[in-house]
Amino acid sequence: MWRNGGKDLHHFSLTKGHFASIVSMVLTENGRICFSGSKDRHVKVWNFSQLATEHDPEPTLSLGKPSAHEGWVSSLAFHDCLLSSASWDHTVKLWDMSANGKQVGEIRTDSFFYCTQFVQDTLVVGSSNHLINLYDVRVSYKEVHSLKHHSKAVICLSADDNYIISSSPDKTLVIYDRVAAKVLHRIRVPSCILSISHLNGELWTGDAIGNVGVLSCKGKCASEMTTFNMKNEHLYSLKHSLGYLYLCYPNSIEVCFPTNPLTKLFTIHSTMMSTMSTRTNLLAAGCHEGALDVWVPLNHFSS
């Protein structure tokens, strides 16, 4: 994908969906469908197959009327046919994408929601009240567990069957062992971690001053994190996918091999990016002005 300095890539900039910063994105169906959530309170659905014939298509669907939420859309998560959208309006809404985006549920509290992730039929949510809440989406979105690991808001998390990993402005990274039902490690970090990617036994983090951290979670989870400083600026989003590490800064995306130290392969220069997502051979980034930038290999749609 990244050979020849990116010359084998198509780049599309989609401008017809949002009018404010895109905060969260989810790619599904091998990158064919994209969900985007924005500070404009809208959640949009995009069919990227249209990029084969249109360079700037409109969104396929806009959820909710007149908008999905009454506040900023802070986080999106997807499982099976269910999309969750969390917002600063104190709600998480559930949308059935098999029913053309019909709203099928709502979770409401007195807190802001910052981050969400599905683990099978469990929705894991981090919020401003310092808590991580777990909801069963099969039983009327009932709260089944609540964890308090931080002294400030939970702004970022990654979860699977074994761990819930969370970060906060209290400058801690907490690794919770779900099987043993206890905190495995509480790691002090130099700056607030903004992004977590946990894949194949490796935990990668990106923080507000450009640090990239890596921790081994193979076997017994290590307690010492190796840290690299890539740039002295916000590392908004970090993804570990298909052997590559993607680092999203305000004006560029660095594509690296996850080695020690990191091996840079390619730099994508763009303007004022705020989030990023990747799936198979497709990379998408949300921008502060509401545009959605997409990079795909030349043969992506034919295959």
C-alpha atoms as a PDB file:
ATOM      1  CA  MET A   1       0.000   0.000   0.000  1.00  0.00           C
ATOM      2  CA  TRP A   2       2.751   2.442   0.881  1.00  0.00           C
ATOM      3  CA  ARG A   3       5.331   1.563  -1.775  1.00  0.00           C
ATOM      4  CA  ASN A   4       6.479   4.178  -4.310  1.00  0.00           C
ATOM      5  CA  GLY A   5       5.919   7.035  -1.870  1.00  0.00           C
ATOM      6  CA  GLY A   6       2.151   6.748  -2.023  1.00  0.00           C
ATOM      7  CA  LYS A   7       1.977   7.055  -5.814  1.00  0.00           C
ATOM      8  CA  ASP A   8      -0.219   3.945  -5.950  1.00  0.00           C
ATOM      9  CA  LEU A   9      -2.899   5.603  -3.800  1.00  0.00           C
ATOM     10  CA  HIS A  10      -6.073   7.487  -4.652  1.00  0.00           C
ATOM     11  CA  HIS A  11      -6.860  10.422  -2.357  1.00  0.00           C
ATOM     12  CA  PHE A  12     -10.410  11.735  -1.971  1.00  0.00           C
ATOM     13  CA  SER A  13     -11.611  14.655   0.127  1.00  0.00           C
ATOM     14  CA  LEU A  14     -15.319  14.424   1.021  1.00  0.00           C
ATOM     15  CA  THR A  15     -16.783  17.800   1.936  1.00  0.00           C
ATOM     16  CA  LYS A  16     -20.580  17.387   1.833  1.00  0.00           C
ATOM     17  CA  GLY A  17     -21.243  15.665   5.158  1.00  0.00           C
ATOM     18  CA  HIS A  18     -20.223  17.804   8.147  1.00  0.00           C
ATOM     19  CA  PHE A  19     -19.699  21.486   8.857  1.00  0.00           C
ATOM     20  CA  ALA A  20     -17.674  21.073  12.089  1.00  0.00           C
ATOM     21  CA  SER A  21     -14.794  18.950  13.328  1.00  0.00           C
ATOM     22  CA  ILE A  22     -15.137  15.177  12.890  1.00  0.00           C
ATOM     23  CA  VAL A  23     -14.394  13.609  16.270  1.00  0.00           C
ATOM     24  CA  SER A  24     -14.979   9.881  15.749  1.00  0.00           C
ATOM     25  CA  MET A  25     -15.011   7.418  12.842  1.00  0.00           C
ATOM     26  CA  VAL A  26     -15.680   3.698  12.381  1.00  0.00           C
ATOM     27  CA  LEU A  27     -14.956   1.666   9.238  1.00  0.00           C
ATOM     28  CA  THR A  28     -16.830  -1.603   8.619  1.00  0.00           C
ATOM     29  CA  GLU A  29     -17.343  -4.185   5.863  1.00  0.00           C
ATOM     30  CA  ASN A  30     -13.629  -4.155   4.930  1.00  0.00           C
ATOM     31  CA  GLY A  31     -13.684  -0.384   4.677  1.00  0.00           C
ATOM     32  CA  ARG A  32     -16.718  -0.120   2.405  1.00  0.00           C
ATOM     33  CA  ILE A  33     -18.941   1.582   5.016  1.00  0.00           C
ATOM     34  CA  CYS A  34     -17.823   4.506   7.187  1.00  0.00           C
ATOM     35  CA  PHE A  35     -19.647   6.093  10.130  1.00  0.00           C
ATOM     36  CA  SER A  36     -18.587   9.605  11.154  1.00  0.00           C
ATOM     37  CA  GLY A  37     -19.552  11.646  14.227  1.00  0.00           C
ATOM     38  CA  SER A  38     -18.932  15.364  14.551  1.00  0.00           C
ATOM     39  CA  LYS A  39     -19.128  18.413  16.770  1.00  0.00           C
ATOM     40  CA  ASP A  40     -22.007  19.488  14.511  1.00  0.00           C
ATOM     41  CA  ARG A  41     -24.105  16.845  16.399  1.00  0.00           C
ATOM     42  CA  HIS A  42     -24.585  14.699  13.292  1.00  0.00           C
ATOM     43  CA  VAL A  43     -23.770  11.047  12.628  1.00  0.00           C
ATOM     44  CA  LYS A  44     -23.300  10.303   8.925  1.00  0.00           C
ATOM     45  CA  VAL A  45     -23.096   7.012   7.056  1.00  0.00           C
ATOM     46  CA  TRP A  46     -20.889   6.795   3.955  1.00  0.00           C
ATOM     47  CA  ASN A  47     -20.706   4.106   1.281  1.00  0.00           C
ATOM     48  CA  PHE A  48     -17.128   4.312   0.046  1.00  0.00           C
ATOM     49  CA  SER A  49     -17.953   2.121  -2.966  1.00  0.00           C
ATOM     50  CA  GLN A  50     -19.252   5.369  -4.482  1.00  0.00           C
ATOM     51  CA  LEU A  51     -15.675   6.634  -4.638  1.00  0.00           C
ATOM     52  CA  ALA A  52     -15.172   4.381  -7.669  1.00  0.00           C
ATOM     53  CA  THR A  53     -17.528   6.629  -9.660  1.00  0.00           C
ATOM     54  CA  GLU A  54     -17.820   9.875  -7.652  1.00  0.00           C
ATOM     55  CA  HIS A  55     -14.973  11.936  -6.203  1.00  0.00           C
ATOM     56  CA  ASP A  56     -17.072  13.819  -3.648  1.00  0.00           C
ATOM     57  CA  PRO A  57     -20.285  11.875  -2.954  1.00  0.00           C
ATOM     58  CA  GLU A  58     -22.824  12.921  -0.336  1.00  0.00           C
ATOM     59  CA  PRO A  59     -23.385  10.755   2.751  1.00  0.00           C
ATOM     60  CA  THR A  60     -25.623   7.742   2.199  1.00  0.00           C
ATOM     61  CA  LEU A  61     -27.578   8.378   5.406  1.00  0.00           C
ATOM     62  CA  SER A  62     -27.847  10.890   8.261  1.00  0.00           C
ATOM     63  CA  LEU A  63     -29.032   9.428  11.569  1.00  0.00           C
ATOM     64  CA  GLY A  64     -31.701  11.122  13.672  1.00  0.00           C
ATOM     65  CA  LYS A  65     -33.932  14.113  12.957  1.00  0.00           C
ATOM     66  CA  PRO A  66     -32.903  16.880  12.738  1.00  0.00           C
ATOM     67  CA  SER A  67     -29.607  15.546  14.136  1.00  0.00           C
ATOM     68  CA  ALA A  68     -28.408  12.451  15.985  1.00  0.00           C
ATOM     69  CA  HIS A  69     -27.727  14.350  19.232  1.00  0.00           C
ATOM     70  CA  GLU A  70     -28.165  17.692  20.954  1.00  0.00           C
ATOM     71  CA  GLY A  71     -24.439  17.945  21.753  1.00  0.00           C
ATOM     72  CA  TRP A  72     -21.082  17.014  20.252  1.00  0.00           C
ATOM     73  CA  VAL A  73     -20.812  13.402  19.099  1.00  0.00           C
ATOM     74  CA  SER A  74     -17.761  12.201  21.007  1.00  0.00           C
ATOM     75  CA  SER A  75     -17.479   8.489  20.175  1.00  0.00           C
ATOM     76  CA  LEU A  76     -18.832   5.808  17.833  1.00  0.00           C
ATOM     77  CA  ALA A  77     -18.697   2.019  18.160  1.00  0.00           C
ATOM     78  CA  PHE A  78     -20.088  -0.768  15.989  1.00  0.00           C
ATOM     79  CA  HIS A  79     -20.963  -4.446  16.531  1.00  0.00           C
ATOM     80  CA  ASP A  80     -22.987  -6.763  14.333  1.00  0.00           C
ATOM     81  CA  CYS A  81     -25.718  -4.412  13.031  1.00  0.00           C
ATOM     82  CA  LEU A  82     -25.695  -2.067  16.031  1.00  0.00           C
ATOM     83  CA  LEU A  83     -24.060   1.373  16.023  1.00  0.00           C
ATOM     84  CA  SER A  84     -23.643   3.317  19.252  1.00  0.00           C
ATOM     85  CA  SER A  85     -23.092   7.072  19.306  1.00  0.00           C
ATOM     86  CA  ALA A  86     -21.992   8.792  22.515  1.00  0.00           C
ATOM     87  CA  SER A  87     -22.420  12.501  23.047  1.00  0.00           C
ATOM     88  CA  TRP A  88     -21.866  15.429  25.363  1.00  0.00           C
ATOM     89  CA  ASP A  89     -25.652  15.657  25.637  1.00  0.00           C
ATOM     90  CA  HIS A  90     -25.375  12.942  28.350  1.00  0.00           C
ATOM     91  CA  THR A  91     -26.680  10.147  26.098  1.00  0.00           C
ATOM     92  CA  VAL A  92     -25.479   7.100  24.241  1.00  0.00           C
ATOM     93  CA  LYS A  93     -27.895   6.238  21.433  1.00  0.00           C
ATOM     94  CA  LEU A  94     -28.174   2.858  19.714  1.00  0.00           C
ATOM     95  CA  TRP A  95     -29.003   2.593  16.003  1.00  0.00           C
ATOM     96  CA  ASP A  96     -30.006  -0.547  14.095  1.00  0.00           C
ATOM     97  CA  MET A  97     -28.221  -0.368  10.750  1.00  0.00           C
ATOM     98  CA  SER A  98     -30.148  -3.379   9.440  1.00  0.00           C
ATOM     99  CA  ALA A  99     -33.301  -1.222   9.818  1.00  0.00           C
ATOM    100  CA  ASN A 100     -31.943   1.780   7.895  1.00  0.00           C
ATOM    101  CA  GLY A 101     -30.490   3.431  10.996  1.00  0.00           C
ATOM    102  CA  LYS A 102     -33.579   3.287  13.213  1.00  0.00           C
ATOM    103  CA  GLN A 103     -32.933   4.336  16.825  1.00  0.00           C
ATOM    104  CA  VAL A 104     -33.549   1.313  19.054  1.00  0.00           C
ATOM    105  CA  GLY A 105     -32.249   2.427  22.449  1.00  0.00           C
ATOM    106  CA  GLU A 106     -30.792   5.154  24.614  1.00  0.00           C
ATOM    107  CA  ILE A 107     -28.598   5.302  27.707  1.00  0.00           C
ATOM    108  CA  ARG A 108     -28.875   8.552  29.680  1.00  0.00           C
ATOM    109  CA  THR A 109     -26.864   9.698  32.711  1.00  0.00           C
ATOM    110  CA  ASP A 110     -25.802  12.987  34.313  1.00  0.00           C
ATOM    111  CA  SER A 111     -22.283  12.702  32.813  1.00  0.00           C
ATOM    112  CA  PHE A 112     -20.550  13.420  29.517  1.00  0.00           C
ATOM    113  CA  PHE A 113     -19.539  10.363  27.495  1.00  0.00           C
ATOM    114  CA  TYR A 114     -16.027  10.347  26.017  1.00  0.00           C
ATOM    115  CA  CYS A 115     -15.246   6.868  24.690  1.00  0.00           C
ATOM    116  CA  THR A 116     -17.051   3.637  23.810  1.00  0.00           C
ATOM    117  CA  GLN A 117     -16.259   0.145  22.576  1.00  0.00           C
ATOM    118  CA  PHE A 118     -18.217  -3.041  21.994  1.00  0.00           C
ATOM    119  CA  VAL A 119     -16.947  -6.358  23.340  1.00  0.00           C
ATOM    120  CA  GLN A 120     -19.436  -8.746  21.755  1.00  0.00           C
ATOM    121  CA  ASP A 121     -22.817  -7.792  23.285  1.00  0.00           C
ATOM    122  CA  THR A 122     -21.315  -5.582  25.998  1.00  0.00           C
ATOM    123  CA  LEU A 123     -20.899  -1.846  25.461  1.00  0.00           C
ATOM    124  CA  VAL A 124     -17.998  -0.390  27.473  1.00  0.00           C
ATOM    125  CA  VAL A 125     -18.290   3.362  28.132  1.00  0.00           C
ATOM    126  CA  GLY A 126     -15.919   5.906  29.681  1.00  0.00           C
ATOM    127  CA  SER A 127     -17.333   9.160  31.022  1.00  0.00           C
ATOM    128  CA  SER A 128     -16.698  12.414  32.857  1.00  0.00           C
ATOM    129  CA  ASN A 129     -17.778  10.969  36.229  1.00  0.00           C
ATOM    130  CA  HIS A 130     -14.469   9.004  36.403  1.00  0.00           C
ATOM    131  CA  LEU A 131     -16.291   5.713  35.737  1.00  0.00           C
ATOM    132  CA  ILE A 132     -16.158   2.912  33.198  1.00  0.00           C
ATOM    133  CA  ASN A 133     -19.655   1.459  32.768  1.00  0.00           C
ATOM    134  CA  LEU A 134     -20.541  -1.812  31.068  1.00  0.00           C
ATOM    135  CA  TYR A 135     -23.989  -2.251  29.477  1.00  0.00           C
ATOM    136  CA  ASP A 136     -25.644  -5.394  28.110  1.00  0.00           C
ATOM    137  CA  VAL A 137     -27.191  -4.404  24.759  1.00  0.00           C
ATOM    138  CA  ARG A 138     -29.332  -7.575  24.738  1.00  0.00           C
ATOM    139  CA  VAL A 139     -31.254  -6.653  27.896  1.00  0.00           C
ATOM    140  CA  SER A 140     -32.645  -3.143  27.446  1.00  0.00           C
ATOM    141  CA  TYR A 141     -29.107  -1.708  27.679  1.00  0.00           C
ATOM    142  CA  LYS A 142     -28.922  -2.545  31.374  1.00  0.00           C
ATOM    143  CA  GLU A 143     -25.784  -1.548  33.297  1.00  0.00           C
ATOM    144  CA  VAL A 144     -24.095  -4.747  34.442  1.00  0.00           C
ATOM    145  CA  HIS A 145     -20.878  -3.408  35.969  1.00  0.00           C
ATOM    146  CA  SER A 146     -19.169  -0.169  36.962  1.00  0.00           C
ATOM    147  CA  LEU A 147     -15.461   0.446  37.538  1.00  0.00           C
ATOM    148  CA  LYS A 148     -13.726   3.446  39.102  1.00  0.00           C
ATOM    149  CA  HIS A 149     -10.015   3.421  38.351  1.00  0.00           C
ATOM    150  CA  HIS A 150      -9.310   7.116  37.807  1.00  0.00           C
ATOM    151  CA  SER A 151      -9.541  10.379  39.714  1.00  0.00           C
ATOM    152  CA  LYS A 152     -10.582  12.303  36.575  1.00  0.00           C
ATOM    153  CA  ALA A 153     -12.625  11.638  33.435  1.00  0.00           C
ATOM    154  CA  VAL A 154     -12.063   8.452  31.428  1.00  0.00           C
ATOM    155  CA  ILE A 155     -11.286   9.829  27.962  1.00  0.00           C
ATOM    156  CA  CYS A 156      -9.852   6.796  26.177  1.00  0.00           C
ATOM    157  CA  LEU A 157     -10.216   3.022  26.475  1.00  0.00           C
ATOM    158  CA  SER A 158      -9.616  -0.285  24.738  1.00  0.00           C
ATOM    159  CA  ALA A 159     -11.396  -3.476  25.775  1.00  0.00           C
ATOM    160  CA  ASP A 160     -11.530  -7.170  24.920  1.00  0.00           C
ATOM    161  CA  ASP A 161     -12.463 -10.411  26.716  1.00  0.00           C
ATOM    162  CA  ASN A 162      -9.326 -10.236  28.889  1.00  0.00           C
ATOM    163  CA  TYR A 163      -8.602  -6.567  29.612  1.00  0.00           C
ATOM    164  CA  ILE A 164     -10.095  -3.113  29.915  1.00  0.00           C
ATOM    165  CA  ILE A 165      -7.350  -0.537  29.365  1.00  0.00           C
ATOM    166  CA  SER A 166      -8.178   3.089  30.148  1.00  0.00           C
ATOM    167  CA  SER A 167      -6.554   6.512  30.356  1.00  0.00           C
ATOM    168  CA  SER A 168      -7.413   9.821  31.969  1.00  0.00           C
ATOM    169  CA  PRO A 169      -6.142  13.396  32.439  1.00  0.00           C
ATOM    170  CA  ASP A 170      -4.986  12.144  35.869  1.00  0.00           C
ATOM    171  CA  LYS A 171      -1.959  10.864  33.862  1.00  0.00           C
ATOM    172  CA  THR A 172      -2.509   7.198  34.567  1.00  0.00           C
ATOM    173  CA  LEU A 173      -2.920   4.199  32.301  1.00  0.00           C
ATOM    174  CA  VAL A 174      -4.881   1.441  34.044  1.00  0.00           C
ATOM    175  CA  ILE A 175      -4.915  -2.187  32.885  1.00  0.00           C
ATOM    176  CA  TYR A 176      -7.843  -4.081  34.409  1.00  0.00           C
ATOM    177  CA  ASP A 177      -7.891  -7.882  34.250  1.00  0.00           C
ATOM    178  CA  ARG A 178     -11.499  -8.876  33.532  1.00  0.00           C
ATOM    179  CA  VAL A 179     -10.910 -12.567  34.302  1.00  0.00           C
ATOM    180  CA  ALA A 180      -9.313 -11.933  37.707  1.00  0.00           C
ATOM    181  CA  ALA A 181     -11.578  -8.900  38.313  1.00  0.00           C
ATOM    182  CA  LYS A 182      -8.735  -6.704  39.547  1.00  0.00           C
ATOM    183  CA  VAL A 183      -6.405  -3.925  38.434  1.00  0.00           C
ATOM    184  CA  LEU A 184      -3.329  -5.563  36.976  1.00  0.00           C
ATOM    185  CA  HIS A 185      -1.223  -2.422  36.508  1.00  0.00           C
ATOM    186  CA  ARG A 186      -1.544   1.293  37.153  1.00  0.00           C
ATOM    187  CA  ILE A 187       1.126   3.109  35.134  1.00  0.00           C
ATOM    188  CA  ARG A 188       2.057   6.765  35.590  1.00  0.00           C
ATOM    189  CA  VAL A 189       2.578   8.524  32.263  1.00  0.00           C
ATOM    190  CA  PRO A 190       4.155  11.916  31.471  1.00  0.00           C
ATOM    191  CA  SER A 191       1.122  13.280  29.643  1.00  0.00           C
ATOM    192  CA  CYS A 192      -2.537  12.449  29.085  1.00  0.00           C
ATOM    193  CA  ILE A 193      -2.939   9.476  26.721  1.00  0.00           C
ATOM    194  CA  LEU A 194      -5.348  10.337  23.896  1.00  0.00           C
ATOM    195  CA  SER A 195      -5.356   7.067  21.963  1.00  0.00           C
ATOM    196  CA  ILE A 196      -4.967   3.348  22.726  1.00  0.00           C
ATOM    197  CA  SER A 197      -4.554   0.469  20.267  1.00  0.00           C
ATOM    198  CA  HIS A 198      -4.408  -3.072  21.655  1.00  0.00           C
ATOM    199  CA  LEU A 199      -3.772  -5.863  19.130  1.00  0.00           C
ATOM    200  CA  ASN A 200      -2.073  -9.268  19.106  1.00  0.00           C
ATOM    201  CA  GLY A 201      -0.623  -8.916  22.601  1.00  0.00           C
ATOM    202  CA  GLU A 202       0.836  -5.433  22.058  1.00  0.00           C
ATOM    203  CA  LEU A 203      -0.507  -2.243  23.593  1.00  0.00           C
ATOM    204  CA  TRP A 204       0.314   1.031  21.800  1.00  0.00           C
ATOM    205  CA  THR A 205      -0.509   4.491  23.147  1.00  0.00           C
ATOM    206  CA  GLY A 206      -0.281   8.074  21.907  1.00  0.00           C
ATOM    207  CA  ASP A 207      -0.373  11.142  24.141  1.00  0.00           C
ATOM    208  CA  ALA A 208      -0.854  14.908  24.098  1.00  0.00           C
ATOM    209  CA  ILE A 209       2.856  15.743  23.691  1.00  0.00           C
ATOM    210  CA  GLY A 210       3.679  13.317  20.876  1.00  0.00           C
ATOM    211  CA  ASN A 211       4.889  10.316  22.867  1.00  0.00           C
ATOM    212  CA  VAL A 212       4.277   6.832  21.460  1.00  0.00           C
ATOM    213  CA  GLY A 213       4.325   4.086  24.092  1.00  0.00           C
ATOM    214  CA  VAL A 214       4.395   0.304  23.693  1.00  0.00           C
ATOM    215  CA  LEU A 215       3.754  -2.404  26.269  1.00  0.00           C
ATOM    216  CA  SER A 216       3.753  -6.175  25.854  1.00  0.00           C
ATOM    217  CA  CYS A 217       0.558  -7.927  26.973  1.00  0.00           C
ATOM    218  CA  LYS A 218       1.609 -11.402  25.867  1.00  0.00           C
ATOM    219  CA  GLY A 219       1.363 -13.902  28.714  1.00  0.00           C
ATOM    220  CA  LYS A 220       1.765 -11.894  31.913  1.00  0.00           C
ATOM    221  CA  CYS A 221       1.188  -8.249  31.055  1.00  0.00           C
ATOM    222  CA  ALA A 222       4.370  -6.172  31.462  1.00  0.00           C
ATOM    223  CA  SER A 223       4.372  -3.157  33.780  1.00  0.00           C
ATOM    224  CA  GLU A 224       7.121  -1.115  32.082  1.00  0.00           C
ATOM    225  CA  MET A 225       6.268   0.906  28.988  1.00  0.00           C
ATOM    226  CA  THR A 226       8.809   1.752  26.264  1.00  0.00           C
ATOM    227  CA  THR A 227       8.318   5.333  25.066  1.00  0.00           C
ATOM    228  CA  PHE A 228       9.351   7.123  21.854  1.00  0.00           C
ATOM    229  CA  ASN A 229       8.920  10.846  21.235  1.00  0.00           C
ATOM    230  CA  MET A 230       7.911  11.340  17.599  1.00  0.00           C
ATOM    231  CA  LYS A 231       6.705  14.957  17.503  1.00  0.00           C
ATOM    232  CA  ASN A 232       6.097  17.603  20.140  1.00  0.00           C
ATOM    233  CA  GLU A 233       2.393  17.960  19.356  1.00  0.00           C
ATOM    234  CA  HIS A 234      -0.935  16.225  20.006  1.00  0.00           C
ATOM    235  CA  LEU A 235      -1.080  12.629  18.831  1.00  0.00           C
ATOM    236  CA  TYR A 236      -4.836  12.572  18.278  1.00  0.00           C
ATOM    237  CA  SER A 237      -5.206   9.007  17.082  1.00  0.00           C
ATOM    238  CA  LEU A 238      -3.046   5.888  16.886  1.00  0.00           C
ATOM    239  CA  LYS A 239      -3.924   2.612  15.126  1.00  0.00           C
ATOM    240  CA  HIS A 240      -2.067  -0.705  14.901  1.00  0.00           C
ATOM    241  CA  SER A 241      -3.335  -2.614  11.848  1.00  0.00           C
ATOM    242  CA  LEU A 242      -2.022  -5.301   9.468  1.00  0.00           C
ATOM    243  CA  GLY A 243       1.588  -4.839  10.564  1.00  0.00           C
ATOM    244  CA  TYR A 244       1.582  -1.033  10.312  1.00  0.00           C
ATOM    245  CA  LEU A 245       1.340   1.678  12.953  1.00  0.00           C
ATOM    246  CA  TYR A 246      -0.549   4.834  11.966  1.00  0.00           C
ATOM    247  CA  LEU A 247       0.012   8.053  13.954  1.00  0.00           C
ATOM    248  CA  CYS A 248      -2.402  10.946  13.395  1.00  0.00           C
ATOM    249  CA  TYR A 249      -1.084  14.435  14.221  1.00  0.00           C
ATOM    250  CA  PRO A 250      -2.861  17.760  13.479  1.00  0.00           C
ATOM    251  CA  ASN A 251      -1.185  18.163  10.067  1.00  0.00           C
ATOM    252  CA  SER A 252       0.124  14.740   9.118  1.00  0.00           C
ATOM    253  CA  ILE A 253      -0.235  10.980   9.416  1.00  0.00           C
ATOM    254  CA  GLU A 254       2.932   8.956   9.950  1.00  0.00           C
ATOM    255  CA  VAL A 255       2.925   5.383   8.645  1.00  0.00           C
ATOM    256  CA  CYS A 256       5.474   3.252  10.517  1.00  0.00           C
ATOM    257  CA  PHE A 257       6.630  -0.292  11.088  1.00  0.00           C
ATOM    258  CA  PRO A 258       6.073  -1.069  14.805  1.00  0.00           C
ATOM    259  CA  THR A 259       9.752  -1.718  15.545  1.00  0.00           C
ATOM    260  CA  ASN A 260      12.030  -0.510  18.354  1.00  0.00           C
ATOM    261  CA  PRO A 261      12.664   2.309  17.524  1.00  0.00           C
ATOM    262  CA  LEU A 262       9.813   2.960  15.106  1.00  0.00           C
ATOM    263  CA  THR A 263      10.633   2.786  11.379  1.00  0.00           C
ATOM    264  CA  LYS A 264       8.913   5.559   9.398  1.00  0.00           C
ATOM    265  CA  LEU A 265       7.708   4.466   5.974  1.00  0.00           C
ATOM    266  CA  PHE A 266       5.644   7.345   4.719  1.00  0.00           C
ATOM    267  CA  THR A 267       4.214  10.714   5.767  1.00  0.00           C
ATOM    268  CA  ILE A 268       0.816  11.929   4.596  1.00  0.00           C
ATOM    269  CA  HIS A 269       0.546  15.709   4.790  1.00  0.00           C
ATOM    270  CA  SER A 270      -2.929  17.144   5.336  1.00  0.00           C
ATOM    271  CA  THR A 271      -4.502  20.021   7.244  1.00  0.00           C
ATOM    272  CA  MET A 272      -5.999  20.097  10.723  1.00  0.00           C
ATOM    273  CA  MET A 273      -6.891  16.437  11.232  1.00  0.00           C
ATOM    274  CA  SER A 274      -8.649  15.349  14.416  1.00  0.00           C
ATOM    275  CA  THR A 275      -9.230  11.588  14.129  1.00  0.00           C
ATOM    276  CA  MET A 276      -8.385   8.590  11.973  1.00  0.00           C
ATOM    277  CA  SER A 277      -9.526   5.052  11.192  1.00  0.00           C
ATOM    278  CA  THR A 278      -8.134   2.238   9.057  1.00  0.00           C
ATOM    279  CA  ARG A 279      -9.532  -1.032   7.727  1.00  0.00           C
ATOM    280  CA  THR A 280      -7.811  -3.485   5.370  1.00  0.00           C
ATOM    281  CA  ASN A 281      -6.262  -1.292   2.636  1.00  0.00           C
ATOM    282  CA  LEU A 282      -8.197   1.887   3.366  1.00  0.00           C
ATOM    283  CA  LEU A 283      -7.222   4.863   5.520  1.00  0.00           C
ATOM    284  CA  ALA A 284      -9.635   7.657   6.454  1.00  0.00           C
ATOM    285  CA  ALA A 285      -9.099  10.810   8.504  1.00  0.00           C
ATOM    286  CA  GLY A 286     -11.566  13.347   9.874  1.00  0.00           C
ATOM    287  CA  CYS A 287     -10.632  17.019   9.744  1.00  0.00           C
ATOM    288  CA  HIS A 288     -11.418  20.002  11.962  1.00  0.00           C
ATOM    289  CA  GLU A 289     -13.337  21.811   9.205  1.00  0.00           C
ATOM    290  CA  GLY A 290     -15.620  18.793   8.671  1.00  0.00           C
ATOM    291  CA  ALA A 291     -13.999  17.206   5.632  1.00  0.00           C
ATOM    292  CA  LEU A 292     -13.335  13.471   5.429  1.00  0.00           C
ATOM    293  CA  ASP A 293     -10.046  12.505   3.731  1.00  0.00           C
ATOM    294  CA  VAL A 294      -9.725   8.994   2.280  1.00  0.00           C
ATOM    295  CA  TRP A 295      -6.715   7.145   0.860  1.00  0.00           C
ATOM    296  CA  VAL A 296      -7.190   3.860  -1.043  1.00  0.00           C
ATOM    297  CA  PRO A 297      -4.938   1.782  -3.362  1.00  0.00           C
ATOM    298  CA  LEU A 298      -5.600   2.169  -7.067  1.00  0.00           C
ATOM    299  CA  ASN A 299      -6.941  -1.391  -7.346  1.00  0.00           C
ATOM    300  CA  HIS A 300      -9.066  -1.266  -4.142  1.00  0.00           C
ATOM    301  CA  PHE A 301     -12.504  -1.120  -5.781  1.00  0.00           C
ATOM    302  CA  SER A 302     -11.771  -3.640  -8.514  1.00  0.00           C
ATOM    303  CA  SER A 303     -10.788  -6.223  -5.866  1.00  0.00           C
END
